[in-house]
Amino acid sequence: MRKILATTTLMALCAAPAAMAQMDHSNMDHSAMPMAEDMIHAEATLNAIGDGTLNVSHGPIKEIGWPAMTMDLPMMAGANLPDGLEPGDKVLMMLGQDHEGMYAISGLEPME
């Protein structure tokens, strides 16, 4: 049993550097990426889908002091619109701030 455990541990230790070397993140700029703990979550109704923007109606968003309103919100670079979403759908939006401090949609999920 000890021999199996020792062999398994040795194999894991030998494989770790190879797995870690598959992608080098050292030259990537992650400063503009919002962190999950910085995200604001809000329920909304999707009214219209534009080129890089969504028109939504949402209730009050207390975390950032917004009253209930209908507005156009930009999508952050890299944010994807889930397949099948249509105007009238209820969604959960994740809002993050861009480098200028403006809020934008960083993610969207359909609500059931």
C-alpha atoms as a PDB file:
ATOM      1  CA  MET A   1       0.000   0.000   0.000  1.00  0.00           C
ATOM      2  CA  ARG A   2       2.835   2.420   0.842  1.00  0.00           C
ATOM      3  CA  LYS A   3       4.496   1.629  -2.457  1.00  0.00           C
ATOM      4  CA  ILE A   4       1.324   2.531  -4.363  1.00  0.00           C
ATOM      5  CA  LEU A   5       0.925   5.765  -2.401  1.00  0.00           C
ATOM      6  CA  ALA A   6       4.567   6.710  -2.954  1.00  0.00           C
ATOM      7  CA  THR A   7       4.323   5.962  -6.684  1.00  0.00           C
ATOM      8  CA  THR A   8       1.108   7.965  -7.046  1.00  0.00           C
ATOM      9  CA  THR A   9       2.600  10.936  -5.180  1.00  0.00           C
ATOM     10  CA  LEU A  10       5.761  10.840  -7.299  1.00  0.00           C
ATOM     11  CA  MET A  11       3.733  10.730 -10.511  1.00  0.00           C
ATOM     12  CA  ALA A  12       1.632  13.717  -9.406  1.00  0.00           C
ATOM     13  CA  LEU A  13       4.727  15.732  -8.508  1.00  0.00           C
ATOM     14  CA  CYS A  14       6.344  14.960 -11.852  1.00  0.00           C
ATOM     15  CA  ALA A  15       3.222  15.903 -13.814  1.00  0.00           C
ATOM     16  CA  ALA A  16       2.598  19.199 -12.011  1.00  0.00           C
ATOM     17  CA  PRO A  17       5.310  21.277 -13.760  1.00  0.00           C
ATOM     18  CA  ALA A  18       4.132  20.099 -17.173  1.00  0.00           C
ATOM     19  CA  ALA A  19       0.540  21.009 -16.391  1.00  0.00           C
ATOM     20  CA  MET A  20       1.554  24.415 -15.066  1.00  0.00           C
ATOM     21  CA  ALA A  21       3.750  25.141 -18.095  1.00  0.00           C
ATOM     22  CA  GLN A  22       0.906  24.738 -20.583  1.00  0.00           C
ATOM     23  CA  MET A  23      -0.097  28.386 -20.354  1.00  0.00           C
ATOM     24  CA  ASP A  24       2.067  31.320 -19.423  1.00  0.00           C
ATOM     25  CA  HIS A  25       0.005  34.160 -17.929  1.00  0.00           C
ATOM     26  CA  SER A  26       2.979  36.331 -17.025  1.00  0.00           C
ATOM     27  CA  ASN A  27       2.623  38.579 -20.083  1.00  0.00           C
ATOM     28  CA  MET A  28      -1.149  38.979 -19.861  1.00  0.00           C
ATOM     29  CA  ASP A  29      -2.716  42.195 -18.600  1.00  0.00           C
ATOM     30  CA  HIS A  30      -5.560  41.265 -16.276  1.00  0.00           C
ATOM     31  CA  SER A  31      -5.936  44.728 -14.787  1.00  0.00           C
ATOM     32  CA  ALA A  32      -9.096  45.508 -16.758  1.00  0.00           C
ATOM     33  CA  MET A  33     -10.818  42.258 -15.852  1.00  0.00           C
ATOM     34  CA  PRO A  34     -13.403  42.637 -13.111  1.00  0.00           C
ATOM     35  CA  MET A  35     -13.115  40.254 -10.197  1.00  0.00           C
ATOM     36  CA  ALA A  36     -16.111  38.182  -9.137  1.00  0.00           C
ATOM     37  CA  GLU A  37     -16.291  39.930  -5.769  1.00  0.00           C
ATOM     38  CA  ASP A  38     -16.587  43.280  -7.595  1.00  0.00           C
ATOM     39  CA  MET A  39     -19.593  42.154  -9.629  1.00  0.00           C
ATOM     40  CA  ILE A  40     -23.034  43.580  -9.022  1.00  0.00           C
ATOM     41  CA  HIS A  41     -25.916  41.170  -9.696  1.00  0.00           C
ATOM     42  CA  ALA A  42     -29.335  42.460 -10.729  1.00  0.00           C
ATOM     43  CA  GLU A  43     -32.489  40.994 -12.195  1.00  0.00           C
ATOM     44  CA  ALA A  44     -33.699  42.659 -15.374  1.00  0.00           C
ATOM     45  CA  THR A  45     -35.926  42.307 -18.409  1.00  0.00           C
ATOM     46  CA  LEU A  46     -34.119  42.301 -21.736  1.00  0.00           C
ATOM     47  CA  ASN A  47     -35.901  44.832 -23.994  1.00  0.00           C
ATOM     48  CA  ALA A  48     -33.612  45.031 -27.026  1.00  0.00           C
ATOM     49  CA  ILE A  49     -30.284  43.728 -28.284  1.00  0.00           C
ATOM     50  CA  GLY A  50     -28.058  46.284 -30.009  1.00  0.00           C
ATOM     51  CA  ASP A  51     -24.531  46.254 -31.376  1.00  0.00           C
ATOM     52  CA  GLY A  52     -22.513  45.910 -28.169  1.00  0.00           C
ATOM     53  CA  THR A  53     -25.339  47.214 -25.980  1.00  0.00           C
ATOM     54  CA  LEU A  54     -28.458  45.832 -24.372  1.00  0.00           C
ATOM     55  CA  ASN A  55     -31.560  47.774 -23.422  1.00  0.00           C
ATOM     56  CA  VAL A  56     -32.804  46.488 -20.077  1.00  0.00           C
ATOM     57  CA  SER A  57     -35.372  47.374 -17.437  1.00  0.00           C
ATOM     58  CA  HIS A  58     -34.218  46.674 -13.891  1.00  0.00           C
ATOM     59  CA  GLY A  59     -35.403  47.308 -10.366  1.00  0.00           C
ATOM     60  CA  PRO A  60     -33.414  49.387  -7.887  1.00  0.00           C
ATOM     61  CA  ILE A  61     -29.758  48.356  -7.586  1.00  0.00           C
ATOM     62  CA  LYS A  62     -28.953  49.437  -4.040  1.00  0.00           C
ATOM     63  CA  GLU A  63     -25.243  48.500  -4.191  1.00  0.00           C
ATOM     64  CA  ILE A  64     -24.574  51.291  -6.676  1.00  0.00           C
ATOM     65  CA  GLY A  65     -27.439  53.651  -5.827  1.00  0.00           C
ATOM     66  CA  TRP A  66     -29.425  53.175  -9.045  1.00  0.00           C
ATOM     67  CA  PRO A  67     -33.205  53.520  -8.974  1.00  0.00           C
ATOM     68  CA  ALA A  68     -35.432  51.260 -11.078  1.00  0.00           C
ATOM     69  CA  MET A  69     -35.092  52.310 -14.717  1.00  0.00           C
ATOM     70  CA  THR A  70     -34.928  51.312 -18.356  1.00  0.00           C
ATOM     71  CA  MET A  71     -31.549  51.957 -19.929  1.00  0.00           C
ATOM     72  CA  ASP A  72     -28.998  51.000 -22.551  1.00  0.00           C
ATOM     73  CA  LEU A  73     -26.002  49.270 -21.024  1.00  0.00           C
ATOM     74  CA  PRO A  74     -22.823  48.421 -22.911  1.00  0.00           C
ATOM     75  CA  MET A  75     -21.451  44.883 -22.908  1.00  0.00           C
ATOM     76  CA  MET A  76     -17.880  44.553 -21.626  1.00  0.00           C
ATOM     77  CA  ALA A  77     -15.294  43.252 -24.064  1.00  0.00           C
ATOM     78  CA  GLY A  78     -15.407  39.481 -23.989  1.00  0.00           C
ATOM     79  CA  ALA A  79     -18.934  39.289 -22.533  1.00  0.00           C
ATOM     80  CA  ASN A  80     -21.135  36.894 -24.456  1.00  0.00           C
ATOM     81  CA  LEU A  81     -24.869  36.912 -24.923  1.00  0.00           C
ATOM     82  CA  PRO A  82     -26.197  33.404 -24.158  1.00  0.00           C
ATOM     83  CA  ASP A  83     -27.798  31.657 -27.129  1.00  0.00           C
ATOM     84  CA  GLY A  84     -31.550  31.876 -27.340  1.00  0.00           C
ATOM     85  CA  LEU A  85     -32.072  35.101 -25.369  1.00  0.00           C
ATOM     86  CA  GLU A  86     -34.767  37.306 -26.859  1.00  0.00           C
ATOM     87  CA  PRO A  87     -36.414  40.612 -25.972  1.00  0.00           C
ATOM     88  CA  GLY A  88     -38.879  40.074 -23.154  1.00  0.00           C
ATOM     89  CA  ASP A  89     -36.729  37.458 -21.392  1.00  0.00           C
ATOM     90  CA  LYS A  90     -35.982  37.842 -17.689  1.00  0.00           C
ATOM     91  CA  VAL A  91     -32.241  37.777 -17.006  1.00  0.00           C
ATOM     92  CA  LEU A  92     -29.708  38.023 -14.212  1.00  0.00           C
ATOM     93  CA  MET A  93     -27.073  40.571 -15.194  1.00  0.00           C
ATOM     94  CA  MET A  94     -23.612  40.825 -13.774  1.00  0.00           C
ATOM     95  CA  LEU A  95     -22.320  44.390 -13.853  1.00  0.00           C
ATOM     96  CA  GLY A  96     -18.702  45.407 -13.575  1.00  0.00           C
ATOM     97  CA  GLN A  97     -16.846  48.681 -13.928  1.00  0.00           C
ATOM     98  CA  ASP A  98     -14.605  49.440 -16.862  1.00  0.00           C
ATOM     99  CA  HIS A  99     -11.278  51.268 -16.549  1.00  0.00           C
ATOM    100  CA  GLU A 100     -13.151  54.601 -16.468  1.00  0.00           C
ATOM    101  CA  GLY A 101     -15.466  53.484 -13.666  1.00  0.00           C
ATOM    102  CA  MET A 102     -18.524  53.136 -15.903  1.00  0.00           C
ATOM    103  CA  TYR A 103     -20.774  50.131 -15.340  1.00  0.00           C
ATOM    104  CA  ALA A 104     -21.224  47.602 -18.126  1.00  0.00           C
ATOM    105  CA  ILE A 105     -22.655  44.117 -18.470  1.00  0.00           C
ATOM    106  CA  SER A 106     -19.953  41.529 -17.887  1.00  0.00           C
ATOM    107  CA  GLY A 107     -22.288  38.543 -17.946  1.00  0.00           C
ATOM    108  CA  LEU A 108     -25.893  37.587 -18.436  1.00  0.00           C
ATOM    109  CA  GLU A 109     -27.856  34.488 -17.499  1.00  0.00           C
ATOM    110  CA  PRO A 110     -31.432  33.612 -18.356  1.00  0.00           C
ATOM    111  CA  MET A 111     -33.773  33.332 -15.376  1.00  0.00           C
ATOM    112  CA  GLU A 112     -36.370  30.634 -15.209  1.00  0.00           C
END
